[in-house]
PDB file of all heavy atoms in Angstrom:
ATOM      1  N   MET A   1     113.286  78.752  91.737  1.00  0.00           N
ATOM      2  CA  MET A   1     112.283  78.088  92.564  1.00  0.00           C
ATOM      3  C   MET A   1     110.875  78.419  92.063  1.00  0.00           C
ATOM      4  O   MET A   1     110.573  79.570  91.757  1.00  0.00           O
ATOM      5  CB  MET A   1     112.448  78.504  94.027  1.00  0.00           C
ATOM      6  CG  MET A   1     113.795  78.117  94.614  1.00  0.00           C
ATOM      7  SD  MET A   1     114.012  78.606  96.344  1.00  0.00           S
ATOM      8  CE  MET A   1     114.163  80.387  96.201  1.00  0.00           C
ATOM      9  N   PHE A   2     110.048  77.381  91.997  1.00  0.00           N
ATOM     10  CA  PHE A   2     108.671  77.531  91.545  1.00  0.00           C
ATOM     11  C   PHE A   2     107.707  76.955  92.578  1.00  0.00           C
ATOM     12  O   PHE A   2     108.056  76.033  93.319  1.00  0.00           O
ATOM     13  CB  PHE A   2     108.442  76.794  90.226  1.00  0.00           C
ATOM     14  CG  PHE A   2     109.114  77.409  89.030  1.00  0.00           C
ATOM     15  CD1 PHE A   2     110.357  76.961  88.606  1.00  0.00           C
ATOM     16  CD2 PHE A   2     108.501  78.426  88.320  1.00  0.00           C
ATOM     17  CE1 PHE A   2     110.980  77.515  87.491  1.00  0.00           C
ATOM     18  CE2 PHE A   2     109.109  78.991  87.209  1.00  0.00           C
ATOM     19  CZ  PHE A   2     110.352  78.539  86.790  1.00  0.00           C
ATOM     20  N   LEU A   3     106.481  77.475  92.568  1.00  0.00           N
ATOM     21  CA  LEU A   3     105.411  76.945  93.407  1.00  0.00           C
ATOM     22  C   LEU A   3     104.330  76.391  92.485  1.00  0.00           C
ATOM     23  O   LEU A   3     103.752  77.141  91.688  1.00  0.00           O
ATOM     24  CB  LEU A   3     104.820  78.037  94.297  1.00  0.00           C
ATOM     25  CG  LEU A   3     103.657  77.613  95.202  1.00  0.00           C
ATOM     26  CD1 LEU A   3     104.138  76.610  96.248  1.00  0.00           C
ATOM     27  CD2 LEU A   3     103.025  78.832  95.882  1.00  0.00           C
ATOM     28  N   PRO A   4     104.055  75.072  92.553  1.00  0.00           N
ATOM     29  CA  PRO A   4     102.987  74.511  91.720  1.00  0.00           C
ATOM     30  C   PRO A   4     101.623  75.069  92.134  1.00  0.00           C
ATOM     31  O   PRO A   4     101.264  75.032  93.307  1.00  0.00           O
ATOM     32  CB  PRO A   4     103.074  73.003  92.003  1.00  0.00           C
ATOM     33  CG  PRO A   4     104.468  72.783  92.494  1.00  0.00           C
ATOM     34  CD  PRO A   4     104.789  74.019  93.283  1.00  0.00           C
ATOM     35  N   LEU A   5     100.893  75.592  91.157  1.00  0.00           N
ATOM     36  CA  LEU A   5      99.534  76.091  91.368  1.00  0.00           C
ATOM     37  C   LEU A   5      98.647  75.481  90.294  1.00  0.00           C
ATOM     38  O   LEU A   5      98.639  75.944  89.145  1.00  0.00           O
ATOM     39  CB  LEU A   5      99.494  77.623  91.277  1.00  0.00           C
ATOM     40  CG  LEU A   5     100.244  78.403  92.356  1.00  0.00           C
ATOM     41  CD1 LEU A   5     100.205  79.900  92.051  1.00  0.00           C
ATOM     42  CD2 LEU A   5      99.642  78.133  93.736  1.00  0.00           C
ATOM     43  N   GLY A   6      97.942  74.416  90.654  1.00  0.00           N
ATOM     44  CA  GLY A   6      97.147  73.708  89.674  1.00  0.00           C
ATOM     45  C   GLY A   6      98.036  73.085  88.627  1.00  0.00           C
ATOM     46  O   GLY A   6      98.957  72.320  88.935  1.00  0.00           O
ATOM     47  N   ASP A   7      97.812  73.441  87.373  1.00  0.00           N
ATOM     48  CA  ASP A   7      98.610  72.901  86.274  1.00  0.00           C
ATOM     49  C   ASP A   7      99.763  73.823  85.868  1.00  0.00           C
ATOM     50  O   ASP A   7     100.431  73.583  84.866  1.00  0.00           O
ATOM     51  CB  ASP A   7      97.722  72.662  85.048  1.00  0.00           C
ATOM     52  CG  ASP A   7      96.668  71.594  85.298  1.00  0.00           C
ATOM     53  OD1 ASP A   7      96.946  70.676  86.088  1.00  0.00           O
ATOM     54  OD2 ASP A   7      95.569  71.690  84.713  1.00  0.00           O
ATOM     55  N   SER A   8      99.984  74.872  86.628  1.00  0.00           N
ATOM     56  CA  SER A   8     101.033  75.833  86.277  1.00  0.00           C
ATOM     57  C   SER A   8     102.058  75.952  87.398  1.00  0.00           C
ATOM     58  O   SER A   8     101.866  75.439  88.509  1.00  0.00           O
ATOM     59  CB  SER A   8     100.417  77.213  85.995  1.00  0.00           C
ATOM     60  OG  SER A   8      99.794  77.723  87.155  1.00  0.00           O
ATOM     61  N   LEU A   9     103.170  76.622  87.087  1.00  0.00           N
ATOM     62  CA  LEU A   9     104.227  76.872  88.058  1.00  0.00           C
ATOM     63  C   LEU A   9     104.413  78.379  88.201  1.00  0.00           C
ATOM     64  O   LEU A   9     104.605  79.082  87.210  1.00  0.00           O
ATOM     65  CB  LEU A   9     105.539  76.228  87.609  1.00  0.00           C
ATOM     66  CG  LEU A   9     105.600  74.700  87.587  1.00  0.00           C
ATOM     67  CD1 LEU A   9     106.922  74.239  86.977  1.00  0.00           C
ATOM     68  CD2 LEU A   9     105.441  74.129  88.985  1.00  0.00           C
ATOM     69  N   LYS A  10     104.388  78.846  89.451  1.00  0.00           N
ATOM     70  CA  LYS A  10     104.594  80.267  89.726  1.00  0.00           C
ATOM     71  C   LYS A  10     106.027  80.486  90.189  1.00  0.00           C
ATOM     72  O   LYS A  10     106.463  79.854  91.166  1.00  0.00           O
ATOM     73  CB  LYS A  10     103.624  80.743  90.819  1.00  0.00           C
ATOM     74  CG  LYS A  10     103.866  82.175  91.323  1.00  0.00           C
ATOM     75  CD  LYS A  10     102.938  82.503  92.463  1.00  0.00           C
ATOM     76  CE  LYS A  10     103.258  83.865  93.101  1.00  0.00           C
ATOM     77  NZ  LYS A  10     103.043  84.976  92.138  1.00  0.00           N
ATOM     78  N   PRO A  11     106.795  81.353  89.542  1.00  0.00           N
ATOM     79  CA  PRO A  11     108.157  81.625  90.010  1.00  0.00           C
ATOM     80  C   PRO A  11     108.131  82.340  91.355  1.00  0.00           C
ATOM     81  O   PRO A  11     107.394  83.306  91.530  1.00  0.00           O
ATOM     82  CB  PRO A  11     108.743  82.510  88.914  1.00  0.00           C
ATOM     83  CG  PRO A  11     107.558  83.135  88.247  1.00  0.00           C
ATOM     84  CD  PRO A  11     106.448  82.138  88.336  1.00  0.00           C
ATOM     85  N   ILE A  12     108.898  81.840  92.327  1.00  0.00           N
ATOM     86  CA  ILE A  12     108.855  82.394  93.683  1.00  0.00           C
ATOM     87  C   ILE A  12     110.220  82.847  94.194  1.00  0.00           C
ATOM     88  O   ILE A  12     110.310  83.466  95.262  1.00  0.00           O
ATOM     89  CB  ILE A  12     108.258  81.383  94.681  1.00  0.00           C
ATOM     90  CG1 ILE A  12     109.036  80.055  94.633  1.00  0.00           C
ATOM     91  CG2 ILE A  12     106.769  81.160  94.389  1.00  0.00           C
ATOM     92  CD1 ILE A  12     108.596  79.040  95.661  1.00  0.00           C
ATOM     93  N   GLY A  13     111.287  82.546  93.475  1.00  0.00           N
ATOM     94  CA  GLY A  13     112.591  82.988  93.955  1.00  0.00           C
ATOM     95  C   GLY A  13     113.739  82.352  93.197  1.00  0.00           C
ATOM     96  O   GLY A  13     113.547  81.463  92.361  1.00  0.00           O
ATOM     97  N   LEU A  14     114.914  82.832  93.497  1.00  0.00           N
ATOM     98  CA  LEU A  14     116.150  82.325  92.917  1.00  0.00           C
ATOM     99  C   LEU A  14     117.059  81.835  94.040  1.00  0.00           C
ATOM    100  O   LEU A  14     116.863  82.186  95.203  1.00  0.00           O
ATOM    101  CB  LEU A  14     116.867  83.427  92.131  1.00  0.00           C
ATOM    102  CG  LEU A  14     116.063  84.129  91.040  1.00  0.00           C
ATOM    103  CD1 LEU A  14     116.877  85.290  90.466  1.00  0.00           C
ATOM    104  CD2 LEU A  14     115.658  83.156  89.943  1.00  0.00           C
ATOM    105  N   ALA A  15     118.031  81.038  93.678  1.00  0.00           N
ATOM    106  CA  ALA A  15     119.049  80.648  94.646  1.00  0.00           C
ATOM    107  C   ALA A  15     120.410  80.734  93.972  1.00  0.00           C
ATOM    108  O   ALA A  15     120.546  80.457  92.772  1.00  0.00           O
ATOM    109  CB  ALA A  15     118.802  79.242  95.177  1.00  0.00           C
ATOM    110  N   TYR A  16     121.389  81.155  94.754  1.00  0.00           N
ATOM    111  CA  TYR A  16     122.761  81.302  94.275  1.00  0.00           C
ATOM    112  C   TYR A  16     123.658  80.382  95.089  1.00  0.00           C
ATOM    113  O   TYR A  16     123.389  80.121  96.266  1.00  0.00           O
ATOM    114  CB  TYR A  16     123.222  82.748  94.422  1.00  0.00           C
ATOM    115  CG  TYR A  16     122.348  83.738  93.682  1.00  0.00           C
ATOM    116  CD1 TYR A  16     121.260  84.336  94.313  1.00  0.00           C
ATOM    117  CD2 TYR A  16     122.600  84.055  92.349  1.00  0.00           C
ATOM    118  CE1 TYR A  16     120.439  85.237  93.636  1.00  0.00           C
ATOM    119  CE2 TYR A  16     121.786  84.953  91.664  1.00  0.00           C
ATOM    120  CZ  TYR A  16     120.704  85.541  92.323  1.00  0.00           C
ATOM    121  OH  TYR A  16     119.907  86.422  91.644  1.00  0.00           O
ATOM    122  N   SER A  17     124.715  79.890  94.470  1.00  0.00           N
ATOM    123  CA  SER A  17     125.591  78.965  95.188  1.00  0.00           C
ATOM    124  C   SER A  17     127.043  79.162  94.789  1.00  0.00           C
ATOM    125  O   SER A  17     127.353  79.679  93.715  1.00  0.00           O
ATOM    126  CB  SER A  17     125.164  77.516  94.929  1.00  0.00           C
ATOM    127  OG  SER A  17     125.330  77.168  93.568  1.00  0.00           O
ATOM    128  N   ASN A  18     127.918  78.749  95.695  1.00  0.00           N
ATOM    129  CA  ASN A  18     129.363  78.701  95.476  1.00  0.00           C
ATOM    130  C   ASN A  18     129.861  77.338  95.917  1.00  0.00           C
ATOM    131  O   ASN A  18     129.336  76.757  96.873  1.00  0.00           O
ATOM    132  CB  ASN A  18     130.099  79.751  96.321  1.00  0.00           C
ATOM    133  CG  ASN A  18     130.045  81.133  95.716  1.00  0.00           C
ATOM    134  OD1 ASN A  18     129.764  81.301  94.547  1.00  0.00           O
ATOM    135  ND2 ASN A  18     130.320  82.132  96.527  1.00  0.00           N
ATOM    136  N   MET A  19     130.867  76.824  95.247  1.00  0.00           N
ATOM    137  CA  MET A  19     131.545  75.637  95.730  1.00  0.00           C
ATOM    138  C   MET A  19     132.632  76.078  96.709  1.00  0.00           C
ATOM    139  O   MET A  19     133.442  76.947  96.382  1.00  0.00           O
ATOM    140  CB  MET A  19     132.167  74.855  94.579  1.00  0.00           C
ATOM    141  CG  MET A  19     131.163  74.257  93.612  1.00  0.00           C
ATOM    142  SD  MET A  19     130.045  73.059  94.382  1.00  0.00           S
ATOM    143  CE  MET A  19     131.208  71.804  94.926  1.00  0.00           C
ATOM    144  N   VAL A  20     132.629  75.505  97.910  1.00  0.00           N
ATOM    145  CA  VAL A  20     133.632  75.837  98.924  1.00  0.00           C
ATOM    146  C   VAL A  20     134.252  74.550  99.444  1.00  0.00           C
ATOM    147  O   VAL A  20     133.663  73.475  99.328  1.00  0.00           O
ATOM    148  CB  VAL A  20     133.011  76.646 100.092  1.00  0.00           C
ATOM    149  CG1 VAL A  20     132.450  77.962  99.591  1.00  0.00           C
ATOM    150  CG2 VAL A  20     131.926  75.853 100.793  1.00  0.00           C
ATOM    151  N   GLY A  21     135.434  74.662 100.020  1.00  0.00           N
ATOM    152  CA  GLY A  21     136.146  73.489 100.509  1.00  0.00           C
ATOM    153  C   GLY A  21     135.534  72.908 101.768  1.00  0.00           C
ATOM    154  O   GLY A  21     134.730  73.539 102.453  1.00  0.00           O
ATOM    155  N   LEU A  22     135.946  71.684 102.079  1.00  0.00           N
ATOM    156  CA  LEU A  22     135.475  71.030 103.300  1.00  0.00           C
ATOM    157  C   LEU A  22     135.869  71.859 104.510  1.00  0.00           C
ATOM    158  O   LEU A  22     137.034  72.221 104.673  1.00  0.00           O
ATOM    159  CB  LEU A  22     136.080  69.625 103.418  1.00  0.00           C
ATOM    160  CG  LEU A  22     135.564  68.565 102.448  1.00  0.00           C
ATOM    161  CD1 LEU A  22     136.369  67.285 102.594  1.00  0.00           C
ATOM    162  CD2 LEU A  22     134.096  68.286 102.709  1.00  0.00           C
ATOM    163  N   GLY A  23     134.911  72.159 105.353  1.00  0.00           N
ATOM    164  CA  GLY A  23     135.189  72.915 106.559  1.00  0.00           C
ATOM    165  C   GLY A  23     135.393  74.396 106.351  1.00  0.00           C
ATOM    166  O   GLY A  23     135.660  75.127 107.307  1.00  0.00           O
ATOM    167  N   ALA A  24     135.286  74.867 105.111  1.00  0.00           N
ATOM    168  CA  ALA A  24     135.494  76.293 104.844  1.00  0.00           C
ATOM    169  C   ALA A  24     134.322  77.111 105.373  1.00  0.00           C
ATOM    170  O   ALA A  24     133.191  76.630 105.460  1.00  0.00           O
ATOM    171  CB  ALA A  24     135.645  76.523 103.346  1.00  0.00           C
ATOM    172  N   ALA A  25     134.612  78.359 105.739  1.00  0.00           N
ATOM    173  CA  ALA A  25     133.563  79.247 106.229  1.00  0.00           C
ATOM    174  C   ALA A  25     132.611  79.594 105.091  1.00  0.00           C
ATOM    175  O   ALA A  25     133.029  79.760 103.940  1.00  0.00           O
ATOM    176  CB  ALA A  25     134.179  80.515 106.806  1.00  0.00           C
ATOM    177  N   LEU A  26     131.333  79.699 105.420  1.00  0.00           N
ATOM    178  CA  LEU A  26     130.341  80.054 104.414  1.00  0.00           C
ATOM    179  C   LEU A  26     130.333  81.557 104.194  1.00  0.00           C
ATOM    180  O   LEU A  26     130.693  82.329 105.084  1.00  0.00           O
ATOM    181  CB  LEU A  26     128.946  79.603 104.868  1.00  0.00           C
ATOM    182  CG  LEU A  26     128.735  78.116 105.098  1.00  0.00           C
ATOM    183  CD1 LEU A  26     127.287  77.855 105.519  1.00  0.00           C
ATOM    184  CD2 LEU A  26     129.067  77.330 103.847  1.00  0.00           C
ATOM    185  N   PRO A  27     129.915  82.005 103.021  1.00  0.00           N
ATOM    186  CA  PRO A  27     129.747  83.451 102.815  1.00  0.00           C
ATOM    187  C   PRO A  27     128.737  84.002 103.815  1.00  0.00           C
ATOM    188  O   PRO A  27     127.900  83.263 104.342  1.00  0.00           O
ATOM    189  CB  PRO A  27     129.214  83.530 101.383  1.00  0.00           C
ATOM    190  CG  PRO A  27     129.635  82.253 100.737  1.00  0.00           C
ATOM    191  CD  PRO A  27     129.598  81.221 101.818  1.00  0.00           C
ATOM    192  N   SER A  28     128.798  85.283 104.063  1.00  0.00           N
ATOM    193  CA  SER A  28     127.885  85.901 105.031  1.00  0.00           C
ATOM    194  C   SER A  28     127.007  86.970 104.403  1.00  0.00           C
ATOM    195  O   SER A  28     126.236  87.624 105.087  1.00  0.00           O
ATOM    196  CB  SER A  28     128.680  86.520 106.188  1.00  0.00           C
ATOM    197  OG  SER A  28     129.592  87.494 105.698  1.00  0.00           O
ATOM    198  N   GLY A  29     127.134  87.153 103.099  1.00  0.00           N
ATOM    199  CA  GLY A  29     126.345  88.184 102.458  1.00  0.00           C
ATOM    200  C   GLY A  29     126.094  87.875 101.000  1.00  0.00           C
ATOM    201  O   GLY A  29     126.640  86.909 100.437  1.00  0.00           O
ATOM    202  N   LEU A  30     125.258  88.688 100.390  1.00  0.00           N
ATOM    203  CA  LEU A  30     124.939  88.562  98.981  1.00  0.00           C
ATOM    204  C   LEU A  30     124.992  89.942  98.360  1.00  0.00           C
ATOM    205  O   LEU A  30     124.224  90.831  98.745  1.00  0.00           O
ATOM    206  CB  LEU A  30     123.539  87.955  98.805  1.00  0.00           C
ATOM    207  CG  LEU A  30     123.051  87.735  97.369  1.00  0.00           C
ATOM    208  CD1 LEU A  30     123.971  86.766  96.640  1.00  0.00           C
ATOM    209  CD2 LEU A  30     121.620  87.204  97.372  1.00  0.00           C
ATOM    210  N   ALA A  31     125.935  90.154  97.458  1.00  0.00           N
ATOM    211  CA  ALA A  31     126.140  91.450  96.805  1.00  0.00           C
ATOM    212  C   ALA A  31     126.288  92.576  97.831  1.00  0.00           C
ATOM    213  O   ALA A  31     125.716  93.649  97.687  1.00  0.00           O
ATOM    214  CB  ALA A  31     124.984  91.753  95.855  1.00  0.00           C
ATOM    215  N   GLY A  32     127.061  92.289  98.893  1.00  0.00           N
ATOM    216  CA  GLY A  32     127.336  93.304  99.904  1.00  0.00           C
ATOM    217  C   GLY A  32     126.276  93.449 100.965  1.00  0.00           C
ATOM    218  O   GLY A  32     126.394  94.301 101.858  1.00  0.00           O
ATOM    219  N   THR A  33     125.236  92.623 100.924  1.00  0.00           N
ATOM    220  CA  THR A  33     124.160  92.688 101.907  1.00  0.00           C
ATOM    221  C   THR A  33     124.177  91.433 102.775  1.00  0.00           C
ATOM    222  O   THR A  33     124.307  90.327 102.241  1.00  0.00           O
ATOM    223  CB  THR A  33     122.792  92.785 101.196  1.00  0.00           C
ATOM    224  OG1 THR A  33     122.786  93.933 100.355  1.00  0.00           O
ATOM    225  CG2 THR A  33     121.662  92.892 102.199  1.00  0.00           C
ATOM    226  N   PRO A  34     124.069  91.545 104.113  1.00  0.00           N
ATOM    227  CA  PRO A  34     124.042  90.355 104.962  1.00  0.00           C
ATOM    228  C   PRO A  34     122.936  89.397 104.528  1.00  0.00           C
ATOM    229  O   PRO A  34     121.809  89.811 104.255  1.00  0.00           O
ATOM    230  CB  PRO A  34     123.766  90.926 106.359  1.00  0.00           C
ATOM    231  CG  PRO A  34     124.286  92.327 106.300  1.00  0.00           C
ATOM    232  CD  PRO A  34     123.982  92.798 104.901  1.00  0.00           C
ATOM    233  N   ALA A  35     123.264  88.097 104.430  1.00  0.00           N
ATOM    234  CA  ALA A  35     122.293  87.101 103.977  1.00  0.00           C
ATOM    235  C   ALA A  35     122.592  85.759 104.634  1.00  0.00           C
ATOM    236  O   ALA A  35     123.736  85.460 104.986  1.00  0.00           O
ATOM    237  CB  ALA A  35     122.328  86.975 102.456  1.00  0.00           C
ATOM    238  N   GLU A  36     121.553  84.963 104.778  1.00  0.00           N
ATOM    239  CA  GLU A  36     121.658  83.655 105.434  1.00  0.00           C
ATOM    240  C   GLU A  36     122.025  82.569 104.424  1.00  0.00           C
ATOM    241  O   GLU A  36     121.213  82.182 103.595  1.00  0.00           O
ATOM    242  CB  GLU A  36     120.319  83.296 106.095  1.00  0.00           C
ATOM    243  CG  GLU A  36     120.276  81.904 106.724  1.00  0.00           C
ATOM    244  CD  GLU A  36     118.888  81.502 107.180  1.00  0.00           C
ATOM    245  OE1 GLU A  36     117.985  82.366 107.210  1.00  0.00           O
ATOM    246  OE2 GLU A  36     118.709  80.312 107.522  1.00  0.00           O
ATOM    247  N   TRP A  37     123.264  82.097 104.490  1.00  0.00           N
ATOM    248  CA  TRP A  37     123.719  81.010 103.634  1.00  0.00           C
ATOM    249  C   TRP A  37     123.630  79.690 104.383  1.00  0.00           C
ATOM    250  O   TRP A  37     123.674  79.658 105.615  1.00  0.00           O
ATOM    251  CB  TRP A  37     125.163  81.232 103.190  1.00  0.00           C
ATOM    252  CG  TRP A  37     125.360  82.320 102.183  1.00  0.00           C
ATOM    253  CD1 TRP A  37     125.222  83.661 102.391  1.00  0.00           C
ATOM    254  CD2 TRP A  37     125.730  82.170 100.814  1.00  0.00           C
ATOM    255  NE1 TRP A  37     125.479  84.358 101.234  1.00  0.00           N
ATOM    256  CE2 TRP A  37     125.804  83.464 100.249  1.00  0.00           C
ATOM    257  CE3 TRP A  37     126.015  81.058 100.007  1.00  0.00           C
ATOM    258  CZ2 TRP A  37     126.148  83.677  98.911  1.00  0.00           C
ATOM    259  CZ3 TRP A  37     126.363  81.270  98.675  1.00  0.00           C
ATOM    260  CH2 TRP A  37     126.422  82.567  98.147  1.00  0.00           C
ATOM    261  N   HIS A  38     123.518  78.606 103.652  1.00  0.00           N
ATOM    262  CA  HIS A  38     123.545  77.273 104.252  1.00  0.00           C
ATOM    263  C   HIS A  38     124.378  76.361 103.366  1.00  0.00           C
ATOM    264  O   HIS A  38     124.623  76.668 102.194  1.00  0.00           O
ATOM    265  CB  HIS A  38     122.131  76.708 104.447  1.00  0.00           C
ATOM    266  CG  HIS A  38     121.281  76.737 103.226  1.00  0.00           C
ATOM    267  ND1 HIS A  38     120.619  77.873 102.784  1.00  0.00           N
ATOM    268  CD2 HIS A  38     120.979  75.770 102.323  1.00  0.00           C
ATOM    269  CE1 HIS A  38     119.935  77.601 101.689  1.00  0.00           C
ATOM    270  NE2 HIS A  38     120.141  76.349 101.385  1.00  0.00           N
ATOM    271  N   ALA A  39     124.848  75.257 103.934  1.00  0.00           N
ATOM    272  CA  ALA A  39     125.766  74.379 103.200  1.00  0.00           C
ATOM    273  C   ALA A  39     125.137  73.025 102.935  1.00  0.00           C
ATOM    274  O   ALA A  39     124.337  72.512 103.720  1.00  0.00           O
ATOM    275  CB  ALA A  39     127.055  74.197 103.990  1.00  0.00           C
ATOM    276  N   HIS A  40     125.546  72.434 101.807  1.00  0.00           N
ATOM    277  CA  HIS A  40     125.184  71.066 101.481  1.00  0.00           C
ATOM    278  C   HIS A  40     126.453  70.315 101.136  1.00  0.00           C
ATOM    279  O   HIS A  40     127.316  70.830 100.427  1.00  0.00           O
ATOM    280  CB  HIS A  40     124.197  71.028 100.321  1.00  0.00           C
ATOM    281  CG  HIS A  40     122.934  71.767 100.614  1.00  0.00           C
ATOM    282  ND1 HIS A  40     122.059  71.368 101.588  1.00  0.00           N
ATOM    283  CD2 HIS A  40     122.423  72.906 100.101  1.00  0.00           C
ATOM    284  CE1 HIS A  40     121.044  72.216 101.647  1.00  0.00           C
ATOM    285  NE2 HIS A  40     121.255  73.176 100.777  1.00  0.00           N
TER     286      HIS A  40
END
């Protein structure tokens, strides 16, 4: 993820994803730490 600042892009974060089945439960953590996942 980048944030446009004038003519440049500032790196602001990363995102990780998994493919999961229809109706499957989402992960609840990231590398053993509780984290907020969302589905698309």
